[in-house]
Every structure is written in structure tokens, then in C-alpha cells.
Amino acid sequence: MSATCNCFSYTYSYVRQPEPVRPYAGATSYKAYHEYFEHICQCNAWTTGTECARHLLVAASEAVRGLKAEKNSDLNKIWEALACRFGYVDEHDRVMRRFDVRKQQEGESLAVFKQGLRALYREAWPKTDIRSPEADSLLRRKFVDGILDVELQKYLRLHAASDDFAATVSKARHFVDASELSRVPKKPTLRATSPSVSAYQF
């Protein structure tokens, strides 16, 4: 006697949903929106300028009326229109001033503060190598000067005077971690005591 088994195979297909594009009306920096939109294009695999321009035209429809998205060069025209309407005449000088006055914000971690400084430096000096000794020294100085914790500033100026930017940030984060651990309350130690002789009843 033989037994037969009917086996069925199933094929599942997964359709990836495209990331939606936030509309843009100038409430935030158009440069920040530019970076965000390029990230969305990569996530959604929009590879041609025409395709990106078509989606950007929809997202910023109120700001770029009359423009078209029929060829790759139209994408640059849309960005130029947004820069003309929402940008600043002294955009470069403005970013440099933002870098000069950048400080650590209340509740902002050292890692986020570091990334903020690096982002502003790249925007203010796009043609400068951020890994150069001059850039590293400037970032390190701005990082130390901008830290809210005065004790941490003193520590870094004493123990990280010859370090580069990355090493200075690392020492700062270790200092913060050690400070937080020292503030954790220790649990009281319970000691077992032997009863006195008078406690026994004979």
C-alpha cells in the first residue's frame, strides 16, 4: 500500500510602499528640506531628475506655480525657485554666524551637539575638507566652548588639550557617563547581627 502526498508551494510577493513626501511651503529652511527630499528620493528609488522633479513639484506646488517637470534640468529650476523665494541673500554669511554662536542646548546630548556642529561646518565651508587639521581644531574648540557643563569644560581643557575633535568628544561622553553613575544612589547594605546572650531564655 502506498501513500501519496500532494504538496503545495506558495509564493508571497511583498510590495514596498513608497515613503510619502512632506509638503513644503517655506516654514523651515529650504536647504534642510533639500536634504530631506534627497533622502526620500533614495528611499523610493527615484533615480531620474524628471521623476524627482515631478514629486517635488507636487510637494511645493504653492511655492513654484507655473514650473514644469518634463526633463531632468527642471529639478534644478525648481530648487532655484525655492532658493530665490525662501533663501537669504547673505546665506553663506548667515550660516557662518550660526556656526559661531552654536551652543549646546538644554537637554541636548553631546552626540547631537557634535553632529550639529559638523553639519553647520559643512554648510558654511562646503569646499573645505572637514578632516583637515584646521577644521578639526576649529570644531574641537567650538565643541568645548559650547558645552553647558562648566565642570566638563574645565576637565576637557585640562585633560584633552592635545586631543583631536573625535578624542575630545569621546572623553566628554565618558566624563558624563561617569558623572551619571556616581549620582546613582547605592542600596543600603543589610548586615546580619547575632542575638545577644541575654536574648536567649533558659
Protein backbone atom coordinates (compact mmCIF):
# COMPACT_ATOMS: atom_id res chain seq x y z
CA MET A 1 0.00 0.00 0.00
CA SER A 2 1.47 3.33 -0.98
CA ALA A 3 0.54 6.80 0.20
CA THR A 4 0.74 9.93 -1.88
CA CYS A 5 1.18 13.45 -0.62
CA ASN A 6 0.09 16.47 -2.57
CA CYS A 7 2.41 19.33 -1.67
CA PHE A 8 1.56 22.91 -2.49
CA SER A 9 4.03 25.75 -2.75
CA TYR A 10 3.01 29.33 -2.19
CA THR A 11 4.76 32.41 -3.49
CA TYR A 12 4.43 35.58 -1.49
CA SER A 13 5.17 38.93 -3.06
CA TYR A 14 5.97 41.97 -0.99
CA VAL A 15 5.24 45.37 -2.46
CA ARG A 16 7.19 48.11 -0.75
CA GLN A 17 5.13 51.20 -0.15
CA PRO A 18 6.87 54.43 -1.15
CA GLU A 19 7.72 56.93 1.54
CA PRO A 20 5.31 59.88 1.46
CA VAL A 21 6.76 63.32 0.80
CA ARG A 22 6.04 66.09 3.25
CA PRO A 23 4.68 69.22 1.57
CA TYR A 24 6.87 72.32 1.65
CA ALA A 25 5.68 75.92 1.98
CA GLY A 26 8.77 77.65 3.38
CA ALA A 27 8.11 77.19 7.10
CA THR A 28 11.55 75.59 7.50
CA SER A 29 14.90 76.06 5.76
CA TYR A 30 14.76 75.08 2.12
CA LYS A 31 18.27 73.61 2.48
CA ALA A 32 17.07 71.30 5.23
CA TYR A 33 14.13 70.33 3.05
CA HIS A 34 16.54 69.75 0.16
CA GLU A 35 18.48 67.20 2.23
CA TYR A 36 15.24 65.59 3.39
CA PHE A 37 13.90 65.35 -0.18
CA GLU A 38 17.12 63.78 -1.49
CA HIS A 39 16.84 61.17 1.27
CA ILE A 40 13.26 60.41 0.23
CA CYS A 41 14.35 60.05 -3.40
CA GLN A 42 16.93 57.46 -2.38
CA CYS A 43 14.44 55.55 -0.22
CA ASN A 44 11.87 55.46 -3.02
CA ALA A 45 14.44 54.71 -5.75
CA TRP A 46 13.58 57.81 -7.76
CA THR A 47 16.67 57.88 -9.95
CA THR A 48 15.88 60.38 -12.69
CA GLY A 49 15.76 64.11 -12.33
CA THR A 50 12.39 64.21 -14.07
CA GLU A 51 10.86 61.77 -11.59
CA CYS A 52 12.23 63.68 -8.60
CA ALA A 53 11.10 66.98 -10.10
CA ARG A 54 7.58 65.67 -10.57
CA HIS A 55 7.26 64.71 -6.89
CA LEU A 56 8.91 67.95 -5.73
CA LEU A 57 6.55 69.96 -7.88
CA VAL A 58 3.60 68.38 -6.06
CA ALA A 59 5.17 68.87 -2.60
CA ALA A 60 5.95 72.54 -3.19
CA SER A 61 3.08 73.35 -5.52
CA GLU A 62 2.10 76.56 -3.72
CA ALA A 63 5.63 77.94 -3.93
CA VAL A 64 6.55 77.03 -7.51
CA ARG A 65 3.42 77.57 -9.54
CA GLY A 66 3.97 77.71 -13.27
CA LEU A 67 7.05 75.46 -13.35
CA LYS A 68 7.08 72.12 -15.13
CA ALA A 69 8.68 68.70 -14.54
CA GLU A 70 9.24 67.41 -18.05
CA LYS A 71 13.03 66.96 -18.18
CA ASN A 72 15.92 66.37 -15.78
CA SER A 73 17.05 70.00 -15.78
CA ASP A 74 13.65 71.07 -14.41
CA LEU A 75 14.67 69.74 -10.98
CA ASN A 76 17.40 72.39 -10.67
CA LYS A 77 14.98 75.08 -11.79
CA ILE A 78 12.57 74.14 -9.02
CA TRP A 79 15.31 74.26 -6.38
CA GLU A 80 16.49 77.63 -7.73
CA ALA A 81 12.95 78.97 -7.45
CA LEU A 82 12.68 77.75 -3.85
CA ALA A 83 16.07 79.27 -3.00
CA CYS A 84 15.03 82.59 -4.55
CA ARG A 85 11.79 82.70 -2.59
CA PHE A 86 12.81 81.23 0.77
CA GLY A 87 16.59 81.64 0.86
CA TYR A 88 18.66 84.55 2.15
CA VAL A 89 20.76 86.98 0.15
CA ASP A 90 23.64 86.51 2.62
CA GLU A 91 23.03 82.76 3.04
CA HIS A 92 26.72 81.89 3.39
CA ASP A 93 27.46 84.59 5.98
CA ARG A 94 24.33 83.64 7.88
CA VAL A 95 25.42 80.01 8.19
CA MET A 96 28.88 81.07 9.35
CA ARG A 97 27.29 83.21 12.08
CA ARG A 98 25.10 80.27 13.13
CA PHE A 99 28.24 78.17 13.49
CA ASP A 100 29.99 80.86 15.52
CA VAL A 101 27.13 81.17 18.04
CA ARG A 102 26.19 77.48 18.17
CA LYS A 103 25.97 76.27 21.78
CA GLN A 104 24.76 73.08 23.39
CA GLN A 105 21.05 73.41 24.06
CA GLU A 106 19.35 72.48 27.32
CA GLY A 107 18.62 68.75 27.19
CA GLU A 108 20.75 68.24 24.06
CA SER A 109 23.16 65.30 24.22
CA LEU A 110 26.84 65.69 23.40
CA ALA A 111 26.43 63.41 20.38
CA VAL A 112 23.67 65.58 18.91
CA PHE A 113 25.65 68.74 19.67
CA LYS A 114 28.68 67.28 17.88
CA GLN A 115 26.62 66.36 14.81
CA GLY A 116 25.06 69.83 14.76
CA LEU A 117 28.49 71.48 14.70
CA ARG A 118 29.70 69.19 11.91
CA ALA A 119 26.58 69.85 9.83
CA LEU A 120 26.92 73.62 10.20
CA TYR A 121 30.62 73.46 9.34
CA ARG A 122 29.93 71.53 6.13
CA GLU A 123 27.24 74.03 5.18
CA ALA A 124 29.40 77.07 5.95
CA TRP A 125 32.57 75.75 4.32
CA PRO A 126 31.45 73.18 1.73
CA LYS A 127 34.76 73.21 -0.17
CA THR A 128 36.91 72.63 2.91
CA ASP A 129 37.96 69.15 3.96
CA ILE A 130 36.34 68.57 7.34
CA ARG A 131 39.13 66.10 8.17
CA SER A 132 41.86 68.73 7.78
CA PRO A 133 43.82 69.80 10.89
CA GLU A 134 42.40 73.33 10.64
CA ALA A 135 38.79 72.13 10.52
CA ASP A 136 39.39 69.60 13.29
CA SER A 137 40.93 72.25 15.55
CA LEU A 138 38.06 74.67 14.95
CA LEU A 139 35.41 72.02 15.61
CA ARG A 140 37.17 70.92 18.78
CA ARG A 141 37.38 74.49 20.10
CA LYS A 142 33.73 75.25 19.31
CA PHE A 143 32.68 71.98 20.93
CA VAL A 144 34.47 72.69 24.20
CA ASP A 145 33.43 76.35 24.31
CA GLY A 146 29.81 75.49 23.61
CA ILE A 147 29.31 72.84 26.31
CA LEU A 148 26.82 73.81 29.01
CA ASP A 149 28.56 71.96 31.85
CA VAL A 150 31.29 74.25 33.19
CA GLU A 151 32.99 71.40 35.08
CA LEU A 152 33.17 69.38 31.88
CA GLN A 153 34.71 72.35 30.09
CA LYS A 154 37.41 72.60 32.77
CA TYR A 155 38.05 68.86 32.56
CA LEU A 156 38.48 68.90 28.77
CA ARG A 157 40.75 71.94 28.79
CA LEU A 158 42.95 70.20 31.32
CA HIS A 159 42.89 66.59 30.09
CA ALA A 160 42.13 66.92 26.37
CA ALA A 161 44.22 69.94 25.43
CA SER A 162 46.24 67.99 22.84
CA ASP A 163 43.46 65.71 21.60
CA ASP A 164 41.68 65.94 18.28
CA PHE A 165 37.95 66.54 17.87
CA ALA A 166 36.90 62.87 17.98
CA ALA A 167 39.03 62.09 21.05
CA THR A 168 37.75 65.21 22.84
CA VAL A 169 34.14 64.20 22.22
CA SER A 170 34.90 60.67 23.44
CA LYS A 171 36.44 61.96 26.69
CA ALA A 172 33.48 64.29 27.20
CA ARG A 173 30.99 61.44 26.84
CA HIS A 174 32.99 59.25 29.25
CA PHE A 175 33.01 62.11 31.76
CA VAL A 176 29.23 62.46 31.52
CA ASP A 177 28.69 58.70 31.85
CA ALA A 178 30.95 58.55 34.92
CA SER A 179 29.17 61.53 36.49
CA GLU A 180 25.77 59.94 35.98
CA LEU A 181 26.92 56.66 37.52
CA SER A 182 28.29 58.46 40.58
CA ARG A 183 24.86 60.04 41.15
CA VAL A 184 23.04 56.70 41.21
CA PRO A 185 22.03 56.06 44.85
CA LYS A 186 23.56 52.94 46.33
CA LYS A 187 21.33 50.42 48.04
CA PRO A 188 21.94 50.18 51.77
CA THR A 189 23.86 47.11 52.88
CA LEU A 190 21.97 44.94 55.36
CA ARG A 191 24.20 43.40 57.98
CA ALA A 192 23.14 40.31 59.90
CA THR A 193 23.60 40.74 63.67
CA SER A 194 23.92 37.90 66.12
CA PRO A 195 21.46 37.97 69.05
CA SER A 196 22.93 38.79 72.42
CA VAL A 197 23.22 36.14 75.13
CA SER A 198 20.52 37.82 77.20
CA ALA A 199 18.04 37.25 74.38
CA TYR A 200 18.00 33.53 74.97
CA GLN A 201 15.52 32.09 77.51
CA PHE A 202 16.72 29.11 79.62
